[in-house]
PDB file of N, CA and C in Angstrom:
ATOM      1  N   MET A   1      10.169 -14.530  10.414  1.00  0.00           N
ATOM      2  CA  MET A   1      10.732 -13.629   9.548  1.00  0.00           C
ATOM      3  C   MET A   1      12.813 -13.235   9.873  1.00  0.00           C
ATOM      4  N   ASP A   2      13.377 -13.182   9.262  1.00  0.00           N
ATOM      5  CA  ASP A   2      14.403 -12.515   9.606  1.00  0.00           C
ATOM      6  C   ASP A   2      14.470 -11.307   8.713  1.00  0.00           C
ATOM      7  N   SER A   3      15.720 -10.279  10.087  1.00  0.00           N
ATOM      8  CA  SER A   3      15.923  -8.736   9.828  1.00  0.00           C
ATOM      9  C   SER A   3      15.595  -8.540   7.285  1.00  0.00           C
ATOM     10  N   LYS A   4      16.560  -9.731   6.885  1.00  0.00           N
ATOM     11  CA  LYS A   4      16.629  -9.555   6.004  1.00  0.00           C
ATOM     12  C   LYS A   4      15.381  -9.093   4.991  1.00  0.00           C
ATOM     13  N   GLU A   5      14.850 -10.916   5.366  1.00  0.00           N
ATOM     14  CA  GLU A   5      13.752 -10.673   4.539  1.00  0.00           C
ATOM     15  C   GLU A   5      12.649  -9.847   5.003  1.00  0.00           C
ATOM     16  N   LEU A   6      12.688  -9.185   6.073  1.00  0.00           N
ATOM     17  CA  LEU A   6      11.709  -7.354   6.302  1.00  0.00           C
ATOM     18  C   LEU A   6      12.254  -6.501   6.248  1.00  0.00           C
ATOM     19  N   TYR A   7      13.232  -6.529   5.342  1.00  0.00           N
ATOM     20  CA  TYR A   7      14.150  -5.388   4.583  1.00  0.00           C
ATOM     21  C   TYR A   7      13.012  -5.296   3.189  1.00  0.00           C
ATOM     22  N   SER A   8      13.783  -6.197   3.097  1.00  0.00           N
ATOM     23  CA  SER A   8      13.051  -6.522   1.291  1.00  0.00           C
ATOM     24  C   SER A   8      11.553  -6.544   1.749  1.00  0.00           C
ATOM     25  N   ARG A   9      10.973  -7.328   2.387  1.00  0.00           N
ATOM     26  CA  ARG A   9       9.842  -7.353   2.267  1.00  0.00           C
ATOM     27  C   ARG A   9       9.112  -5.326   1.924  1.00  0.00           C
ATOM     28  N   ILE A  10       9.598  -4.784   3.183  1.00  0.00           N
ATOM     29  CA  ILE A  10       9.319  -2.968   2.996  1.00  0.00           C
ATOM     30  C   ILE A  10       9.729  -2.499   2.098  1.00  0.00           C
ATOM     31  N   LYS A  11      10.859  -2.145   1.689  1.00  0.00           N
ATOM     32  CA  LYS A  11      11.375  -1.964   0.018  1.00  0.00           C
ATOM     33  C   LYS A  11       9.963  -2.823  -0.448  1.00  0.00           C
ATOM     34  N   SER A  12       9.977  -3.499  -1.029  1.00  0.00           N
ATOM     35  CA  SER A  12       9.153  -3.989  -1.869  1.00  0.00           C
ATOM     36  C   SER A  12       7.460  -3.256  -1.966  1.00  0.00           C
ATOM     37  N   ILE A  13       7.400  -3.041  -0.233  1.00  0.00           N
ATOM     38  CA  ILE A  13       5.744  -1.900  -0.414  1.00  0.00           C
ATOM     39  C   ILE A  13       6.523  -0.630  -1.061  1.00  0.00           C
ATOM     40  N   LEU A  14       7.226  -0.214  -0.803  1.00  0.00           N
ATOM     41  CA  LEU A  14       7.528   1.493  -0.822  1.00  0.00           C
ATOM     42  C   LEU A  14       7.264   1.568  -1.607  1.00  0.00           C
ATOM     43  N   ILE A  15       8.071   0.597  -2.881  1.00  0.00           N
ATOM     44  CA  ILE A  15       8.624   0.429  -4.203  1.00  0.00           C
ATOM     45  C   ILE A  15       7.014   0.216  -4.757  1.00  0.00           C
ATOM     46  N   ASP A  16       6.082  -0.146  -4.481  1.00  0.00           N
ATOM     47  CA  ASP A  16       5.464  -0.861  -5.017  1.00  0.00           C
ATOM     48  C   ASP A  16       3.083  -0.075  -4.520  1.00  0.00           C
ATOM     49  N   GLN A  17       4.086   0.792  -3.093  1.00  0.00           N
ATOM     50  CA  GLN A  17       2.423   0.912  -2.620  1.00  0.00           C
ATOM     51  C   GLN A  17       2.552   2.682  -3.250  1.00  0.00           C
ATOM     52  N   PHE A  18       3.362   3.168  -2.661  1.00  0.00           N
ATOM     53  CA  PHE A  18       4.348   4.018  -2.396  1.00  0.00           C
ATOM     54  C   PHE A  18       5.155   4.770  -3.463  1.00  0.00           C
ATOM     55  N   GLU A  19       5.028   3.947  -4.603  1.00  0.00           N
ATOM     56  CA  GLU A  19       5.970   5.037  -5.843  1.00  0.00           C
ATOM     57  C   GLU A  19       7.383   5.347  -5.756  1.00  0.00           C
ATOM     58  N   VAL A  20       8.115   4.487  -4.361  1.00  0.00           N
ATOM     59  CA  VAL A  20       9.319   4.585  -4.182  1.00  0.00           C
ATOM     60  C   VAL A  20      10.049   4.647  -5.066  1.00  0.00           C
ATOM     61  N   ASP A  21      11.461   5.514  -5.307  1.00  0.00           N
ATOM     62  CA  ASP A  21      12.454   4.572  -6.565  1.00  0.00           C
ATOM     63  C   ASP A  21      13.347   3.961  -5.594  1.00  0.00           C
ATOM     64  N   ALA A  22      13.740   3.083  -6.032  1.00  0.00           N
ATOM     65  CA  ALA A  22      14.386   1.818  -5.027  1.00  0.00           C
ATOM     66  C   ALA A  22      15.893   2.135  -5.089  1.00  0.00           C
ATOM     67  N   ALA A  23      16.247   2.656  -6.096  1.00  0.00           N
ATOM     68  CA  ALA A  23      17.138   3.060  -6.018  1.00  0.00           C
ATOM     69  C   ALA A  23      17.761   4.543  -4.721  1.00  0.00           C
ATOM     70  N   ALA A  24      16.616   5.149  -3.910  1.00  0.00           N
ATOM     71  CA  ALA A  24      16.477   5.742  -2.905  1.00  0.00           C
ATOM     72  C   ALA A  24      16.161   5.352  -1.277  1.00  0.00           C
ATOM     73  N   ILE A  25      16.422   3.662  -1.319  1.00  0.00           N
ATOM     74  CA  ILE A  25      15.867   2.889  -0.462  1.00  0.00           C
ATOM     75  C   ILE A  25      16.863   2.639   0.638  1.00  0.00           C
ATOM     76  N   SER A  26      17.027   2.201   1.543  1.00  0.00           N
ATOM     77  CA  SER A  26      18.366   1.981   1.982  1.00  0.00           C
ATOM     78  C   SER A  26      17.756   2.102   3.563  1.00  0.00           C
ATOM     79  N   MET A  27      18.494   1.115   4.608  1.00  0.00           N
ATOM     80  CA  MET A  27      18.737   1.238   5.616  1.00  0.00           C
ATOM     81  C   MET A  27      18.351   2.537   7.167  1.00  0.00           C
ATOM     82  N   GLU A  28      19.562   4.049   5.853  1.00  0.00           N
ATOM     83  CA  GLU A  28      19.240   4.919   6.452  1.00  0.00           C
ATOM     84  C   GLU A  28      18.981   6.267   5.686  1.00  0.00           C
ATOM     85  N   ALA A  29      17.732   5.226   4.681  1.00  0.00           N
ATOM     86  CA  ALA A  29      16.710   6.833   4.227  1.00  0.00           C
ATOM     87  C   ALA A  29      15.885   6.971   5.324  1.00  0.00           C
ATOM     88  N   ASN A  30      15.200   8.334   4.873  1.00  0.00           N
ATOM     89  CA  ASN A  30      14.699   9.240   5.926  1.00  0.00           C
ATOM     90  C   ASN A  30      13.066   8.853   4.859  1.00  0.00           C
ATOM     91  N   LEU A  31      12.317   8.242   5.730  1.00  0.00           N
ATOM     92  CA  LEU A  31      10.944   7.901   5.215  1.00  0.00           C
ATOM     93  C   LEU A  31      10.732   9.603   4.958  1.00  0.00           C
ATOM     94  N   TYR A  32      10.352  10.843   5.746  1.00  0.00           N
ATOM     95  CA  TYR A  32       9.695  11.805   5.378  1.00  0.00           C
ATOM     96  C   TYR A  32      10.611  12.951   4.284  1.00  0.00           C
ATOM     97  N   ASP A  33      12.205  12.624   4.661  1.00  0.00           N
ATOM     98  CA  ASP A  33      12.642  14.112   4.153  1.00  0.00           C
ATOM     99  C   ASP A  33      12.673  13.048   2.213  1.00  0.00           C
ATOM    100  N   GLU A  34      13.708  11.790   2.339  1.00  0.00           N
ATOM    101  CA  GLU A  34      13.613  11.661   1.736  1.00  0.00           C
ATOM    102  C   GLU A  34      13.570  10.743   0.433  1.00  0.00           C
ATOM    103  N   LEU A  35      12.524   9.398   1.045  1.00  0.00           N
ATOM    104  CA  LEU A  35      12.025   9.147   0.078  1.00  0.00           C
ATOM    105  C   LEU A  35       9.873   9.927   0.445  1.00  0.00           C
ATOM    106  N   GLU A  36      10.348  10.817   1.213  1.00  0.00           N
ATOM    107  CA  GLU A  36       8.696  11.982   0.702  1.00  0.00           C
ATOM    108  C   GLU A  36       7.297  11.215   1.434  1.00  0.00           C
ATOM    109  N   ILE A  37       7.700   9.722   2.756  1.00  0.00           N
ATOM    110  CA  ILE A  37       6.960   9.378   3.311  1.00  0.00           C
ATOM    111  C   ILE A  37       5.528  10.673   3.809  1.00  0.00           C
ATOM    112  N   ASP A  38       4.397  10.706   4.298  1.00  0.00           N
ATOM    113  CA  ASP A  38       3.924  11.473   4.653  1.00  0.00           C
ATOM    114  C   ASP A  38       3.243  10.746   5.934  1.00  0.00           C
ATOM    115  N   SER A  39       2.052  11.786   6.466  1.00  0.00           N
ATOM    116  CA  SER A  39       1.437  11.369   7.889  1.00  0.00           C
ATOM    117  C   SER A  39       0.484  10.128   7.238  1.00  0.00           C
ATOM    118  N   ILE A  40      -0.163  10.080   6.555  1.00  0.00           N
ATOM    119  CA  ILE A  40      -1.747   9.000   6.214  1.00  0.00           C
ATOM    120  C   ILE A  40      -0.547   7.360   5.548  1.00  0.00           C
ATOM    121  N   ASP A  41       0.762   7.843   5.038  1.00  0.00           N
ATOM    122  CA  ASP A  41       1.160   6.792   3.917  1.00  0.00           C
ATOM    123  C   ASP A  41       2.044   6.091   4.914  1.00  0.00           C
ATOM    124  N   ALA A  42       2.342   7.120   6.493  1.00  0.00           N
ATOM    125  CA  ALA A  42       3.186   6.456   7.114  1.00  0.00           C
ATOM    126  C   ALA A  42       1.819   5.138   7.961  1.00  0.00           C
ATOM    127  N   VAL A  43       0.654   5.910   8.231  1.00  0.00           N
ATOM    128  CA  VAL A  43       0.212   4.932   8.853  1.00  0.00           C
ATOM    129  C   VAL A  43      -0.489   3.975   7.547  1.00  0.00           C
ATOM    130  N   ASP A  44      -0.133   4.695   6.124  1.00  0.00           N
ATOM    131  CA  ASP A  44      -1.031   3.454   5.839  1.00  0.00           C
ATOM    132  C   ASP A  44       0.161   1.882   5.501  1.00  0.00           C
ATOM    133  N   LEU A  45       1.194   2.881   5.604  1.00  0.00           N
ATOM    134  CA  LEU A  45       3.379   1.371   5.965  1.00  0.00           C
ATOM    135  C   LEU A  45       2.394   0.781   7.223  1.00  0.00           C
ATOM    136  N   LEU A  46       2.096   1.420   8.769  1.00  0.00           N
ATOM    137  CA  LEU A  46       2.038   0.434   9.623  1.00  0.00           C
ATOM    138  C   LEU A  46       0.797  -0.369   9.242  1.00  0.00           C
ATOM    139  N   VAL A  47      -0.109  -0.689   8.192  1.00  0.00           N
ATOM    140  CA  VAL A  47      -0.730  -1.086   8.542  1.00  0.00           C
ATOM    141  C   VAL A  47      -0.985  -2.550   7.797  1.00  0.00           C
ATOM    142  N   GLN A  48       0.201  -2.314   5.924  1.00  0.00           N
ATOM    143  CA  GLN A  48       0.714  -3.074   6.228  1.00  0.00           C
ATOM    144  C   GLN A  48       2.001  -4.891   6.381  1.00  0.00           C
ATOM    145  N   LEU A  49       2.289  -3.339   7.471  1.00  0.00           N
ATOM    146  CA  LEU A  49       3.503  -4.340   8.585  1.00  0.00           C
ATOM    147  C   LEU A  49       2.687  -4.757   9.232  1.00  0.00           C
ATOM    148  N   LYS A  50       2.074  -4.262   9.948  1.00  0.00           N
ATOM    149  CA  LYS A  50       0.501  -5.088  10.568  1.00  0.00           C
ATOM    150  C   LYS A  50       0.443  -6.225  10.107  1.00  0.00           C
ATOM    151  N   GLU A  51       0.152  -6.286   8.853  1.00  0.00           N
ATOM    152  CA  GLU A  51      -0.791  -7.301   8.259  1.00  0.00           C
ATOM    153  C   GLU A  51       0.505  -8.726   7.655  1.00  0.00           C
ATOM    154  N   LEU A  52       1.561  -8.668   7.203  1.00  0.00           N
ATOM    155  CA  LEU A  52       2.752  -8.915   7.484  1.00  0.00           C
ATOM    156  C   LEU A  52       3.519  -9.395   8.094  1.00  0.00           C
ATOM    157  N   THR A  53       2.627  -8.769   8.857  1.00  0.00           N
ATOM    158  CA  THR A  53       4.003  -9.382  10.186  1.00  0.00           C
ATOM    159  C   THR A  53       3.608 -10.125  11.257  1.00  0.00           C
ATOM    160  N   GLY A  54       2.168  -9.662  11.578  1.00  0.00           N
ATOM    161  CA  GLY A  54       1.192  -9.536  13.040  1.00  0.00           C
ATOM    162  C   GLY A  54       0.999  -8.854  13.901  1.00  0.00           C
ATOM    163  N   LYS A  55       2.269  -8.194  13.807  1.00  0.00           N
ATOM    164  CA  LYS A  55       2.392  -7.392  14.773  1.00  0.00           C
ATOM    165  C   LYS A  55       2.696  -5.969  14.554  1.00  0.00           C
ATOM    166  N   LYS A  56       2.084  -5.984  16.053  1.00  0.00           N
ATOM    167  CA  LYS A  56       1.142  -3.672  15.553  1.00  0.00           C
ATOM    168  C   LYS A  56       2.055  -3.143  16.302  1.00  0.00           C
ATOM    169  N   ILE A  57       3.156  -1.252  15.765  1.00  0.00           N
ATOM    170  CA  ILE A  57       3.418  -0.955  16.718  1.00  0.00           C
ATOM    171  C   ILE A  57       2.350   0.115  16.926  1.00  0.00           C
ATOM    172  N   PRO A  58       2.735   0.426  18.151  1.00  0.00           N
ATOM    173  CA  PRO A  58       1.700   1.107  18.727  1.00  0.00           C
ATOM    174  C   PRO A  58       2.464   3.263  17.233  1.00  0.00           C
ATOM    175  N   PRO A  59       1.288   3.619  17.830  1.00  0.00           N
ATOM    176  CA  PRO A  59       1.622   4.771  17.681  1.00  0.00           C
ATOM    177  C   PRO A  59       2.652   5.550  18.045  1.00  0.00           C
ATOM    178  N   GLU A  60       2.462   5.613  19.550  1.00  0.00           N
ATOM    179  CA  GLU A  60       3.696   6.168  20.288  1.00  0.00           C
ATOM    180  C   GLU A  60       5.281   6.116  19.835  1.00  0.00           C
ATOM    181  N   ASP A  61       5.086   4.119  19.515  1.00  0.00           N
ATOM    182  CA  ASP A  61       6.212   3.955  19.393  1.00  0.00           C
ATOM    183  C   ASP A  61       7.240   4.793  17.773  1.00  0.00           C
ATOM    184  N   PHE A  62       6.265   4.726  16.454  1.00  0.00           N
ATOM    185  CA  PHE A  62       6.589   5.245  15.839  1.00  0.00           C
ATOM    186  C   PHE A  62       6.895   6.330  15.471  1.00  0.00           C
ATOM    187  N   LYS A  63       6.301   7.146  16.065  1.00  0.00           N
ATOM    188  CA  LYS A  63       6.931   8.175  16.220  1.00  0.00           C
ATOM    189  C   LYS A  63       7.958   8.943  16.179  1.00  0.00           C
ATOM    190  N   ASP A  64       8.924   8.032  16.512  1.00  0.00           N
ATOM    191  CA  ASP A  64      10.465   8.027  16.557  1.00  0.00           C
ATOM    192  C   ASP A  64      11.071   7.847  15.717  1.00  0.00           C
ATOM    193  N   VAL A  65       9.985   7.091  14.863  1.00  0.00           N
ATOM    194  CA  VAL A  65      10.589   6.343  13.662  1.00  0.00           C
ATOM    195  C   VAL A  65      10.989   7.728  12.651  1.00  0.00           C
ATOM    196  N   ARG A  66      12.524   7.574  11.521  1.00  0.00           N
ATOM    197  CA  ARG A  66      12.553   8.194  11.105  1.00  0.00           C
ATOM    198  C   ARG A  66      13.248   7.190   9.778  1.00  0.00           C
ATOM    199  N   THR A  67      14.214   7.155  10.153  1.00  0.00           N
ATOM    200  CA  THR A  67      14.661   5.780   8.909  1.00  0.00           C
ATOM    201  C   THR A  67      13.408   4.498   8.945  1.00  0.00           C
ATOM    202  N   ILE A  68      14.442   3.159   7.558  1.00  0.00           N
ATOM    203  CA  ILE A  68      13.849   1.943   7.183  1.00  0.00           C
ATOM    204  C   ILE A  68      14.480   1.413   8.254  1.00  0.00           C
ATOM    205  N   GLY A  69      15.675   1.914   8.740  1.00  0.00           N
ATOM    206  CA  GLY A  69      16.704   1.119  10.450  1.00  0.00           C
ATOM    207  C   GLY A  69      15.311   1.078  11.169  1.00  0.00           C
ATOM    208  N   ASP A  70      14.609   1.979  11.274  1.00  0.00           N
ATOM    209  CA  ASP A  70      14.123   2.517  12.469  1.00  0.00           C
ATOM    210  C   ASP A  70      13.092   1.784  12.672  1.00  0.00           C
ATOM    211  N   VAL A  71      12.361   1.619  11.805  1.00  0.00           N
ATOM    212  CA  VAL A  71      11.368   1.078  11.158  1.00  0.00           C
ATOM    213  C   VAL A  71      11.534  -0.769  11.693  1.00  0.00           C
ATOM    214  N   LEU A  72      12.217  -1.287  11.235  1.00  0.00           N
ATOM    215  CA  LEU A  72      12.904  -2.602  11.737  1.00  0.00           C
ATOM    216  C   LEU A  72      13.188  -3.007  13.003  1.00  0.00           C
ATOM    217  N   ASN A  73      13.618  -1.393  13.364  1.00  0.00           N
ATOM    218  CA  ASN A  73      14.415  -1.755  15.057  1.00  0.00           C
ATOM    219  C   ASN A  73      12.965  -1.994  15.879  1.00  0.00           C
ATOM    220  N   ALA A  74      11.573  -1.226  15.489  1.00  0.00           N
ATOM    221  CA  ALA A  74      10.463  -1.233  15.446  1.00  0.00           C
ATOM    222  C   ALA A  74       9.441  -2.430  16.197  1.00  0.00           C
ATOM    223  N   LEU A  75       9.630  -2.922  14.404  1.00  0.00           N
ATOM    224  CA  LEU A  75       8.376  -3.997  14.541  1.00  0.00           C
ATOM    225  C   LEU A  75      10.693  -5.334  15.121  1.00  0.00           C
ATOM    226  N   THR A  76      11.442  -5.429  15.708  1.00  0.00           N
ATOM    227  CA  THR A  76      11.732  -6.104  15.828  1.00  0.00           C
ATOM    228  C   THR A  76      12.241  -7.148  17.582  1.00  0.00           C
ATOM    229  N   ALA A  77      12.322  -5.278  17.683  1.00  0.00           N
ATOM    230  CA  ALA A  77      12.136  -4.589  19.486  1.00  0.00           C
ATOM    231  C   ALA A  77      10.333  -5.671  19.609  1.00  0.00           C
ATOM    232  N   GLN A  78       9.131  -5.765  18.833  1.00  0.00           N
ATOM    233  CA  GLN A  78       7.926  -5.901  19.574  1.00  0.00           C
ATOM    234  C   GLN A  78       7.519  -7.466  19.753  1.00  0.00           C
TER     235      GLN A  78
END
């Protein structure tokens, strides 16, 4: 799965599962401040991303994630 497809899937998850407004989603969008994802939502997002990609992002790596771009970078660095 390339970065563009992965971004599209993350966007779909945020819209469908977390009811995030599609217009608010961008590579630079801050998960916590702009998209209002809390820590429990972040864990749920990690679980869904693992199911999607088969890759597990260690919690210590995810604590530095702030934007959707950071999520993509963490997934592609695996």
